[in-house]
Amino acid sequence: MLKQDEASTILASRRGFLRRTLTAGAGLAAAAVIPQGAAAAAEGDGMTQASPKARGYHLTPHILDYYKSAAQ
């Protein structure tokens, strides 16, 4: 049988491990959710005019206006 000191040390060690594991899991869950929320906010702000499947550079009317003004 374990002595009182050893038993409390083992329990404290287990609690610390569980606390760190839960904290890491919560951090990973938050990291997985935050980029999706930011992308949803960007879609809803009316700034993007491309289809949701399109990726990369998009030549939009305001960019064309900039190029025209920069060329003059």
C-alpha atoms as a PDB file:
ATOM      1  CA  MET A   1       0.000   0.000   0.000  1.00  0.00           C
ATOM      2  CA  LEU A   2       1.102   3.561  -0.660  1.00  0.00           C
ATOM      3  CA  LYS A   3       1.965   6.000   2.050  1.00  0.00           C
ATOM      4  CA  GLN A   4      -0.037   9.210   2.359  1.00  0.00           C
ATOM      5  CA  ASP A   5       2.804  11.306   0.845  1.00  0.00           C
ATOM      6  CA  GLU A   6       3.150   9.064  -2.182  1.00  0.00           C
ATOM      7  CA  ALA A   7      -0.598   8.892  -2.766  1.00  0.00           C
ATOM      8  CA  SER A   8      -1.011  12.664  -2.655  1.00  0.00           C
ATOM      9  CA  THR A   9       1.987  13.146  -4.980  1.00  0.00           C
ATOM     10  CA  ILE A  10       0.525  10.710  -7.526  1.00  0.00           C
ATOM     11  CA  LEU A  11      -2.888  12.394  -7.367  1.00  0.00           C
ATOM     12  CA  ALA A  12      -1.341  15.835  -7.801  1.00  0.00           C
ATOM     13  CA  SER A  13       0.652  14.560 -10.765  1.00  0.00           C
ATOM     14  CA  ARG A  14      -2.477  13.105 -12.367  1.00  0.00           C
ATOM     15  CA  ARG A  15      -4.411  16.311 -11.782  1.00  0.00           C
ATOM     16  CA  GLY A  16      -1.637  18.364 -13.373  1.00  0.00           C
ATOM     17  CA  PHE A  17      -1.522  16.061 -16.381  1.00  0.00           C
ATOM     18  CA  LEU A  18      -5.295  16.257 -16.845  1.00  0.00           C
ATOM     19  CA  ARG A  19      -5.283  20.040 -16.423  1.00  0.00           C
ATOM     20  CA  ARG A  20      -2.558  20.467 -19.065  1.00  0.00           C
ATOM     21  CA  THR A  21      -4.312  18.053 -21.417  1.00  0.00           C
ATOM     22  CA  LEU A  22      -7.632  19.867 -21.100  1.00  0.00           C
ATOM     23  CA  THR A  23      -5.966  23.251 -21.586  1.00  0.00           C
ATOM     24  CA  ALA A  24      -4.186  22.047 -24.715  1.00  0.00           C
ATOM     25  CA  GLY A  25      -7.424  20.562 -26.052  1.00  0.00           C
ATOM     26  CA  ALA A  26      -9.305  23.801 -25.434  1.00  0.00           C
ATOM     27  CA  GLY A  27      -6.563  25.747 -27.217  1.00  0.00           C
ATOM     28  CA  LEU A  28      -6.714  23.448 -30.228  1.00  0.00           C
ATOM     29  CA  ALA A  29     -10.497  23.704 -30.340  1.00  0.00           C
ATOM     30  CA  ALA A  30     -10.318  27.502 -30.208  1.00  0.00           C
ATOM     31  CA  ALA A  31      -7.686  27.567 -32.944  1.00  0.00           C
ATOM     32  CA  ALA A  32      -9.894  25.392 -35.125  1.00  0.00           C
ATOM     33  CA  VAL A  33     -12.956  27.590 -34.606  1.00  0.00           C
ATOM     34  CA  ILE A  34     -11.445  31.088 -34.836  1.00  0.00           C
ATOM     35  CA  PRO A  35     -10.267  30.958 -38.482  1.00  0.00           C
ATOM     36  CA  GLN A  36     -13.704  29.745 -39.564  1.00  0.00           C
ATOM     37  CA  GLY A  37     -15.358  32.613 -37.719  1.00  0.00           C
ATOM     38  CA  ALA A  38     -12.982  35.137 -39.255  1.00  0.00           C
ATOM     39  CA  ALA A  39     -13.652  33.775 -42.744  1.00  0.00           C
ATOM     40  CA  ALA A  40     -17.394  33.945 -42.160  1.00  0.00           C
ATOM     41  CA  ALA A  41     -17.092  37.555 -41.023  1.00  0.00           C
ATOM     42  CA  ALA A  42     -15.069  38.443 -44.113  1.00  0.00           C
ATOM     43  CA  GLU A  43     -17.696  36.879 -46.363  1.00  0.00           C
ATOM     44  CA  GLY A  44     -20.489  38.778 -44.714  1.00  0.00           C
ATOM     45  CA  ASP A  45     -18.894  42.231 -44.861  1.00  0.00           C
ATOM     46  CA  GLY A  46     -19.649  42.725 -48.572  1.00  0.00           C
ATOM     47  CA  MET A  47     -16.023  43.342 -49.470  1.00  0.00           C
ATOM     48  CA  THR A  48     -15.572  40.163 -51.482  1.00  0.00           C
ATOM     49  CA  GLN A  49     -17.316  39.847 -54.826  1.00  0.00           C
ATOM     50  CA  ALA A  50     -15.872  36.524 -55.968  1.00  0.00           C
ATOM     51  CA  SER A  51     -17.585  33.193 -55.605  1.00  0.00           C
ATOM     52  CA  PRO A  52     -16.824  31.226 -52.422  1.00  0.00           C
ATOM     53  CA  LYS A  53     -14.987  28.544 -54.440  1.00  0.00           C
ATOM     54  CA  ALA A  54     -12.641  31.039 -56.126  1.00  0.00           C
ATOM     55  CA  ARG A  55      -9.229  31.482 -54.558  1.00  0.00           C
ATOM     56  CA  GLY A  56      -6.232  33.676 -55.170  1.00  0.00           C
ATOM     57  CA  TYR A  57      -6.002  37.023 -56.926  1.00  0.00           C
ATOM     58  CA  HIS A  58      -9.224  38.539 -58.255  1.00  0.00           C
ATOM     59  CA  LEU A  59      -9.382  41.463 -60.625  1.00  0.00           C
ATOM     60  CA  THR A  60     -12.309  43.490 -59.295  1.00  0.00           C
ATOM     61  CA  PRO A  61     -13.668  46.863 -60.445  1.00  0.00           C
ATOM     62  CA  HIS A  62     -11.978  48.806 -57.663  1.00  0.00           C
ATOM     63  CA  ILE A  63      -8.629  47.231 -58.522  1.00  0.00           C
ATOM     64  CA  LEU A  64      -9.099  48.161 -62.187  1.00  0.00           C
ATOM     65  CA  ASP A  65      -9.856  51.737 -61.120  1.00  0.00           C
ATOM     66  CA  TYR A  66      -6.635  51.793 -59.117  1.00  0.00           C
ATOM     67  CA  TYR A  67      -4.589  50.525 -62.056  1.00  0.00           C
ATOM     68  CA  LYS A  68      -6.127  53.168 -64.332  1.00  0.00           C
ATOM     69  CA  SER A  69      -5.374  55.957 -61.861  1.00  0.00           C
ATOM     70  CA  ALA A  70      -1.827  54.700 -61.236  1.00  0.00           C
ATOM     71  CA  ALA A  71      -1.067  54.560 -64.981  1.00  0.00           C
ATOM     72  CA  GLN A  72      -1.905  58.240 -65.488  1.00  0.00           C
END
